[in-house]
């Protein structure tokens, strides 16, 4: 069995999904060096990841403000 055609484990889709869930936008270099993706796909994945990161960051900031306000009222 010839394994020269199999992509490395870090280029497989499952690996990219797991790395996104664990480290977020820090997985983008793996997308850009992945030989299986074309330039349009890389740009699309980058845009989706950055948009998701922006939305989640905004939600985190709002949540932290609510927690701070709650504890200021409590004390």
PDB file of N, CA and C in Angstrom:
ATOM      1  N   UNK A   1       0.840  -1.178   0.000  1.00  0.00           N
ATOM      2  CA  UNK A   1       0.000   0.000   0.000  1.00  0.00           C
ATOM      3  C   UNK A   1       0.879   1.233   0.000  1.00  0.00           C
ATOM      4  N   UNK A   2       0.648   2.128  -0.939  1.00  0.00           N
ATOM      5  CA  UNK A   2       1.466   3.327  -1.099  1.00  0.00           C
ATOM      6  C   UNK A   2       0.835   4.490  -0.334  1.00  0.00           C
ATOM      7  N   UNK A   3       1.524   4.987   0.683  1.00  0.00           N
ATOM      8  CA  UNK A   3       1.013   6.091   1.493  1.00  0.00           C
ATOM      9  C   UNK A   3       1.502   7.443   1.017  1.00  0.00           C
ATOM     10  N   UNK A   4       2.183   7.496  -0.118  1.00  0.00           N
ATOM     11  CA  UNK A   4       2.710   8.772  -0.592  1.00  0.00           C
ATOM     12  C   UNK A   4       1.600   9.722  -1.036  1.00  0.00           C
ATOM     13  N   UNK A   5       0.415   9.202  -1.370  1.00  0.00           N
ATOM     14  CA  UNK A   5      -0.693  10.045  -1.808  1.00  0.00           C
ATOM     15  C   UNK A   5      -1.583  10.502  -0.641  1.00  0.00           C
ATOM     16  N   UNK A   6      -1.467   9.847   0.508  1.00  0.00           N
ATOM     17  CA  UNK A   6      -2.280  10.238   1.662  1.00  0.00           C
ATOM     18  C   UNK A   6      -1.787  11.575   2.206  1.00  0.00           C
ATOM     19  N   UNK A   7      -2.721  12.485   2.498  1.00  0.00           N
ATOM     20  CA  UNK A   7      -2.295  13.761   3.102  1.00  0.00           C
ATOM     21  C   UNK A   7      -1.839  13.526   4.538  1.00  0.00           C
ATOM     22  N   UNK A   8      -0.987  14.402   5.004  1.00  0.00           N
ATOM     23  CA  UNK A   8      -0.537  14.339   6.396  1.00  0.00           C
ATOM     24  C   UNK A   8      -1.745  14.526   7.306  1.00  0.00           C
ATOM     25  N   UNK A   9      -1.668  14.043   8.530  1.00  0.00           N
ATOM     26  CA  UNK A   9      -2.793  14.119   9.448  1.00  0.00           C
ATOM     27  C   UNK A   9      -3.201  15.559   9.709  1.00  0.00           C
ATOM     28  N   UNK A  10      -2.254  16.503   9.704  1.00  0.00           N
ATOM     29  CA  UNK A  10      -2.586  17.894  10.001  1.00  0.00           C
ATOM     30  C   UNK A  10      -3.189  18.625   8.805  1.00  0.00           C
ATOM     31  N   UNK A  11      -3.282  17.958   7.651  1.00  0.00           N
ATOM     32  CA  UNK A  11      -3.961  18.529   6.493  1.00  0.00           C
ATOM     33  C   UNK A  11      -5.371  17.961   6.313  1.00  0.00           C
ATOM     34  N   UNK A  12      -5.744  16.998   7.113  1.00  0.00           N
ATOM     35  CA  UNK A  12      -7.063  16.391   6.979  1.00  0.00           C
ATOM     36  C   UNK A  12      -8.128  17.310   7.578  1.00  0.00           C
ATOM     37  N   UNK A  13      -9.331  17.205   7.055  1.00  0.00           N
ATOM     38  CA  UNK A  13     -10.418  18.094   7.465  1.00  0.00           C
ATOM     39  C   UNK A  13     -10.726  17.969   8.949  1.00  0.00           C
ATOM     40  N   UNK A  14     -10.767  16.755   9.467  1.00  0.00           N
ATOM     41  CA  UNK A  14     -11.085  16.572  10.882  1.00  0.00           C
ATOM     42  C   UNK A  14     -10.058  17.271  11.764  1.00  0.00           C
ATOM     43  N   UNK A  15      -8.812  17.253  11.343  1.00  0.00           N
ATOM     44  CA  UNK A  15      -7.755  17.896  12.120  1.00  0.00           C
ATOM     45  C   UNK A  15      -7.935  19.414  12.139  1.00  0.00           C
ATOM     46  N   UNK A  16      -8.339  19.979  11.005  1.00  0.00           N
ATOM     47  CA  UNK A  16      -8.559  21.422  10.944  1.00  0.00           C
ATOM     48  C   UNK A  16      -9.759  21.836  11.795  1.00  0.00           C
ATOM     49  N   UNK A  17     -10.809  21.026  11.800  1.00  0.00           N
ATOM     50  CA  UNK A  17     -11.987  21.335  12.615  1.00  0.00           C
ATOM     51  C   UNK A  17     -11.631  21.266  14.099  1.00  0.00           C
ATOM     52  N   UNK A  18     -10.933  20.229  14.503  1.00  0.00           N
ATOM     53  CA  UNK A  18     -10.536  20.095  15.910  1.00  0.00           C
ATOM     54  C   UNK A  18      -9.613  21.240  16.310  1.00  0.00           C
ATOM     55  N   UNK A  19      -8.676  21.602  15.452  1.00  0.00           N
ATOM     56  CA  UNK A  19      -7.771  22.694  15.798  1.00  0.00           C
ATOM     57  C   UNK A  19      -8.516  24.023  15.879  1.00  0.00           C
ATOM     58  N   UNK A  20      -9.527  24.224  15.025  1.00  0.00           N
ATOM     59  CA  UNK A  20     -10.329  25.439  15.127  1.00  0.00           C
ATOM     60  C   UNK A  20     -11.085  25.479  16.444  1.00  0.00           C
ATOM     61  N   UNK A  21     -11.664  24.361  16.842  1.00  0.00           N
ATOM     62  CA  UNK A  21     -12.411  24.327  18.092  1.00  0.00           C
ATOM     63  C   UNK A  21     -11.510  24.514  19.312  1.00  0.00           C
ATOM     64  N   UNK A  22     -10.250  24.116  19.195  1.00  0.00           N
ATOM     65  CA  UNK A  22      -9.332  24.221  20.332  1.00  0.00           C
ATOM     66  C   UNK A  22      -8.572  25.546  20.370  1.00  0.00           C
ATOM     67  N   UNK A  23      -8.088  25.998  19.228  1.00  0.00           N
ATOM     68  CA  UNK A  23      -7.221  27.176  19.229  1.00  0.00           C
ATOM     69  C   UNK A  23      -7.711  28.316  18.343  1.00  0.00           C
ATOM     70  N   UNK A  24      -8.878  28.157  17.756  1.00  0.00           N
ATOM     71  CA  UNK A  24      -9.493  29.243  17.001  1.00  0.00           C
ATOM     72  C   UNK A  24      -8.682  29.707  15.803  1.00  0.00           C
ATOM     73  N   UNK A  25      -8.497  31.012  15.688  1.00  0.00           N
ATOM     74  CA  UNK A  25      -7.846  31.554  14.491  1.00  0.00           C
ATOM     75  C   UNK A  25      -6.361  31.201  14.366  1.00  0.00           C
ATOM     76  N   UNK A  26      -5.779  30.644  15.408  1.00  0.00           N
ATOM     77  CA  UNK A  26      -4.378  30.246  15.327  1.00  0.00           C
ATOM     78  C   UNK A  26      -4.170  29.041  14.407  1.00  0.00           C
ATOM     79  N   UNK A  27      -5.269  28.453  13.946  1.00  0.00           N
ATOM     80  CA  UNK A  27      -5.168  27.334  13.021  1.00  0.00           C
ATOM     81  C   UNK A  27      -5.074  27.783  11.562  1.00  0.00           C
ATOM     82  N   UNK A  28      -5.214  29.068  11.310  1.00  0.00           N
ATOM     83  CA  UNK A  28      -5.210  29.561   9.927  1.00  0.00           C
ATOM     84  C   UNK A  28      -3.926  29.256   9.150  1.00  0.00           C
ATOM     85  N   UNK A  29      -2.748  29.267   9.765  1.00  0.00           N
ATOM     86  CA  UNK A  29      -1.564  28.865   8.986  1.00  0.00           C
ATOM     87  C   UNK A  29      -1.663  27.450   8.426  1.00  0.00           C
ATOM     88  N   UNK A  30      -2.340  26.557   9.150  1.00  0.00           N
ATOM     89  CA  UNK A  30      -2.537  25.205   8.620  1.00  0.00           C
ATOM     90  C   UNK A  30      -3.415  25.220   7.377  1.00  0.00           C
ATOM     91  N   UNK A  31      -4.367  26.126   7.332  1.00  0.00           N
ATOM     92  CA  UNK A  31      -5.220  26.245   6.150  1.00  0.00           C
ATOM     93  C   UNK A  31      -4.397  26.754   4.973  1.00  0.00           C
ATOM     94  N   UNK A  32      -3.566  27.758   5.216  1.00  0.00           N
ATOM     95  CA  UNK A  32      -2.838  28.398   4.117  1.00  0.00           C
ATOM     96  C   UNK A  32      -1.715  27.544   3.557  1.00  0.00           C
ATOM     97  N   UNK A  33      -1.187  26.598   4.327  1.00  0.00           N
ATOM     98  CA  UNK A  33      -0.149  25.715   3.782  1.00  0.00           C
ATOM     99  C   UNK A  33      -0.723  24.402   3.275  1.00  0.00           C
ATOM    100  N   UNK A  34      -2.041  24.232   3.420  1.00  0.00           N
ATOM    101  CA  UNK A  34      -2.684  23.003   2.979  1.00  0.00           C
ATOM    102  C   UNK A  34      -2.735  22.960   1.447  1.00  0.00           C
ATOM    103  N   UNK A  35      -2.109  21.963   0.829  1.00  0.00           N
ATOM    104  CA  UNK A  35      -2.076  21.903  -0.637  1.00  0.00           C
ATOM    105  C   UNK A  35      -3.412  21.487  -1.264  1.00  0.00           C
ATOM    106  N   UNK A  36      -4.342  20.970  -0.466  1.00  0.00           N
ATOM    107  CA  UNK A  36      -5.626  20.519  -1.020  1.00  0.00           C
ATOM    108  C   UNK A  36      -6.587  21.666  -1.288  1.00  0.00           C
ATOM    109  N   UNK A  37      -6.378  22.817  -0.672  1.00  0.00           N
ATOM    110  CA  UNK A  37      -7.291  23.938  -0.814  1.00  0.00           C
ATOM    111  C   UNK A  37      -6.780  24.915  -1.860  1.00  0.00           C
ATOM    112  N   UNK A  38      -7.705  25.429  -2.658  1.00  0.00           N
ATOM    113  CA  UNK A  38      -7.373  26.481  -3.611  1.00  0.00           C
ATOM    114  C   UNK A  38      -7.388  27.836  -2.909  1.00  0.00           C
ATOM    115  N   UNK A  39      -6.984  28.859  -3.642  1.00  0.00           N
ATOM    116  CA  UNK A  39      -6.885  30.184  -3.054  1.00  0.00           C
ATOM    117  C   UNK A  39      -8.255  30.712  -2.605  1.00  0.00           C
ATOM    118  N   UNK A  40      -9.300  30.478  -3.407  1.00  0.00           N
ATOM    119  CA  UNK A  40     -10.640  30.946  -3.038  1.00  0.00           C
ATOM    120  C   UNK A  40     -11.131  30.255  -1.773  1.00  0.00           C
ATOM    121  N   UNK A  41     -10.864  28.976  -1.650  1.00  0.00           N
ATOM    122  CA  UNK A  41     -11.270  28.225  -0.460  1.00  0.00           C
ATOM    123  C   UNK A  41     -10.535  28.736   0.767  1.00  0.00           C
ATOM    124  N   UNK A  42      -9.253  29.004   0.628  1.00  0.00           N
ATOM    125  CA  UNK A  42      -8.463  29.516   1.750  1.00  0.00           C
ATOM    126  C   UNK A  42      -8.980  30.880   2.206  1.00  0.00           C
ATOM    127  N   UNK A  43      -9.319  31.735   1.249  1.00  0.00           N
ATOM    128  CA  UNK A  43      -9.851  33.053   1.596  1.00  0.00           C
ATOM    129  C   UNK A  43     -11.204  32.916   2.280  1.00  0.00           C
ATOM    130  N   UNK A  44     -12.055  32.033   1.779  1.00  0.00           N
ATOM    131  CA  UNK A  44     -13.367  31.819   2.377  1.00  0.00           C
ATOM    132  C   UNK A  44     -13.251  31.286   3.801  1.00  0.00           C
ATOM    133  N   UNK A  45     -12.410  30.291   4.014  1.00  0.00           N
ATOM    134  CA  UNK A  45     -12.213  29.735   5.357  1.00  0.00           C
ATOM    135  C   UNK A  45     -11.665  30.800   6.298  1.00  0.00           C
ATOM    136  N   UNK A  46     -10.720  31.591   5.823  1.00  0.00           N
ATOM    137  CA  UNK A  46     -10.147  32.658   6.642  1.00  0.00           C
ATOM    138  C   UNK A  46     -11.214  33.673   7.033  1.00  0.00           C
ATOM    139  N   UNK A  47     -12.046  34.062   6.088  1.00  0.00           N
ATOM    140  CA  UNK A  47     -13.105  35.036   6.378  1.00  0.00           C
ATOM    141  C   UNK A  47     -14.097  34.483   7.393  1.00  0.00           C
ATOM    142  N   UNK A  48     -14.488  33.240   7.236  1.00  0.00           N
ATOM    143  CA  UNK A  48     -15.446  32.624   8.169  1.00  0.00           C
ATOM    144  C   UNK A  48     -14.841  32.512   9.566  1.00  0.00           C
ATOM    145  N   UNK A  49     -13.603  32.094   9.652  1.00  0.00           N
ATOM    146  CA  UNK A  49     -12.945  31.953  10.958  1.00  0.00           C
ATOM    147  C   UNK A  49     -12.796  33.313  11.632  1.00  0.00           C
ATOM    148  N   UNK A  50     -12.377  34.322  10.877  1.00  0.00           N
ATOM    149  CA  UNK A  50     -12.212  35.648  11.468  1.00  0.00           C
ATOM    150  C   UNK A  50     -13.553  36.260  11.871  1.00  0.00           C
ATOM    151  N   UNK A  51     -14.579  36.055  11.079  1.00  0.00           N
ATOM    152  CA  UNK A  51     -15.905  36.552  11.442  1.00  0.00           C
ATOM    153  C   UNK A  51     -16.420  35.849  12.696  1.00  0.00           C
ATOM    154  N   UNK A  52     -16.257  34.543  12.755  1.00  0.00           N
ATOM    155  CA  UNK A  52     -16.661  33.803  13.945  1.00  0.00           C
ATOM    156  C   UNK A  52     -15.899  34.247  15.179  1.00  0.00           C
ATOM    157  N   UNK A  53     -14.618  34.494  15.028  1.00  0.00           N
ATOM    158  CA  UNK A  53     -13.804  34.966  16.146  1.00  0.00           C
ATOM    159  C   UNK A  53     -14.267  36.340  16.613  1.00  0.00           C
ATOM    160  N   UNK A  54     -14.588  37.210  15.670  1.00  0.00           N
ATOM    161  CA  UNK A  54     -15.073  38.547  16.009  1.00  0.00           C
ATOM    162  C   UNK A  54     -16.398  38.478  16.778  1.00  0.00           C
ATOM    163  N   UNK A  55     -17.321  37.653  16.305  1.00  0.00           N
ATOM    164  CA  UNK A  55     -18.619  37.508  16.969  1.00  0.00           C
ATOM    165  C   UNK A  55     -18.451  36.931  18.375  1.00  0.00           C
ATOM    166  N   UNK A  56     -17.643  35.900  18.503  1.00  0.00           N
ATOM    167  CA  UNK A  56     -17.438  35.289  19.819  1.00  0.00           C
ATOM    168  C   UNK A  56     -16.724  36.242  20.779  1.00  0.00           C
ATOM    169  N   UNK A  57     -15.802  37.042  20.278  1.00  0.00           N
ATOM    170  CA  UNK A  57     -15.118  38.024  21.117  1.00  0.00           C
ATOM    171  C   UNK A  57     -16.098  39.080  21.605  1.00  0.00           C
ATOM    172  N   UNK A  58     -16.971  39.545  20.718  1.00  0.00           N
ATOM    173  CA  UNK A  58     -17.990  40.523  21.111  1.00  0.00           C
ATOM    174  C   UNK A  58     -18.923  39.941  22.174  1.00  0.00           C
ATOM    175  N   UNK A  59     -19.331  38.701  22.010  1.00  0.00           N
ATOM    176  CA  UNK A  59     -20.179  38.056  23.021  1.00  0.00           C
ATOM    177  C   UNK A  59     -19.463  37.918  24.357  1.00  0.00           C
ATOM    178  N   UNK A  60     -18.182  37.602  24.323  1.00  0.00           N
ATOM    179  CA  UNK A  60     -17.400  37.489  25.550  1.00  0.00           C
ATOM    180  C   UNK A  60     -17.320  38.829  26.275  1.00  0.00           C
ATOM    181  N   UNK A  61     -17.071  39.894  25.535  1.00  0.00           N
ATOM    182  CA  UNK A  61     -16.974  41.226  26.146  1.00  0.00           C
ATOM    183  C   UNK A  61     -18.307  41.618  26.783  1.00  0.00           C
ATOM    184  N   UNK A  62     -19.412  41.390  26.082  1.00  0.00           N
ATOM    185  CA  UNK A  62     -20.729  41.712  26.645  1.00  0.00           C
ATOM    186  C   UNK A  62     -21.015  40.879  27.885  1.00  0.00           C
ATOM    187  N   UNK A  63     -20.658  39.619  27.866  1.00  0.00           N
ATOM    188  CA  UNK A  63     -20.882  38.751  29.027  1.00  0.00           C
ATOM    189  C   UNK A  63     -20.065  39.211  30.220  1.00  0.00           C
ATOM    190  N   UNK A  64     -18.815  39.572  29.982  1.00  0.00           N
ATOM    191  CA  UNK A  64     -17.972  40.034  31.086  1.00  0.00           C
ATOM    192  C   UNK A  64     -18.498  41.341  31.669  1.00  0.00           C
ATOM    193  N   UNK A  65     -18.995  42.235  30.818  1.00  0.00           N
ATOM    194  CA  UNK A  65     -19.577  43.485  31.327  1.00  0.00           C
ATOM    195  C   UNK A  65     -20.796  43.189  32.194  1.00  0.00           C
ATOM    196  N   UNK A  66     -21.640  42.256  31.769  1.00  0.00           N
ATOM    197  CA  UNK A  66     -22.812  41.890  32.566  1.00  0.00           C
ATOM    198  C   UNK A  66     -22.411  41.283  33.904  1.00  0.00           C
ATOM    199  N   UNK A  67     -21.396  40.445  33.902  1.00  0.00           N
ATOM    200  CA  UNK A  67     -20.928  39.836  35.154  1.00  0.00           C
ATOM    201  C   UNK A  67     -20.371  40.894  36.088  1.00  0.00           C
ATOM    202  N   UNK A  68     -19.595  41.820  35.544  1.00  0.00           N
ATOM    203  CA  UNK A  68     -19.024  42.905  36.369  1.00  0.00           C
ATOM    204  C   UNK A  68     -20.140  43.762  36.956  1.00  0.00           C
ATOM    205  N   UNK A  69     -21.137  44.109  36.145  1.00  0.00           N
ATOM    206  CA  UNK A  69     -22.272  44.902  36.655  1.00  0.00           C
ATOM    207  C   UNK A  69     -23.019  44.147  37.742  1.00  0.00           C
ATOM    208  N   UNK A  70     -23.219  42.873  37.558  1.00  0.00           N
ATOM    209  CA  UNK A  70     -23.924  42.066  38.552  1.00  0.00           C
ATOM    210  C   UNK A  70     -23.176  42.069  39.890  1.00  0.00           C
ATOM    211  N   UNK A  71     -21.864  41.868  39.852  1.00  0.00           N
ATOM    212  CA  UNK A  71     -21.103  41.809  41.085  1.00  0.00           C
ATOM    213  C   UNK A  71     -20.947  43.172  41.725  1.00  0.00           C
ATOM    214  N   UNK A  72     -20.972  44.235  40.940  1.00  0.00           N
ATOM    215  CA  UNK A  72     -20.928  45.569  41.536  1.00  0.00           C
ATOM    216  C   UNK A  72     -22.218  45.850  42.301  1.00  0.00           C
ATOM    217  N   UNK A  73     -23.358  45.368  41.782  1.00  0.00           N
ATOM    218  CA  UNK A  73     -24.612  45.520  42.499  1.00  0.00           C
ATOM    219  C   UNK A  73     -24.645  44.657  43.757  1.00  0.00           C
ATOM    220  N   UNK A  74     -24.041  43.482  43.692  1.00  0.00           N
ATOM    221  CA  UNK A  74     -24.057  42.566  44.828  1.00  0.00           C
ATOM    222  C   UNK A  74     -23.204  43.062  45.984  1.00  0.00           C
ATOM    223  N   UNK A  75     -22.148  43.763  45.663  1.00  0.00           N
ATOM    224  CA  UNK A  75     -21.262  44.241  46.720  1.00  0.00           C
ATOM    225  C   UNK A  75     -21.387  45.725  46.837  1.00  0.00           C
TER     226      UNK A  75
END
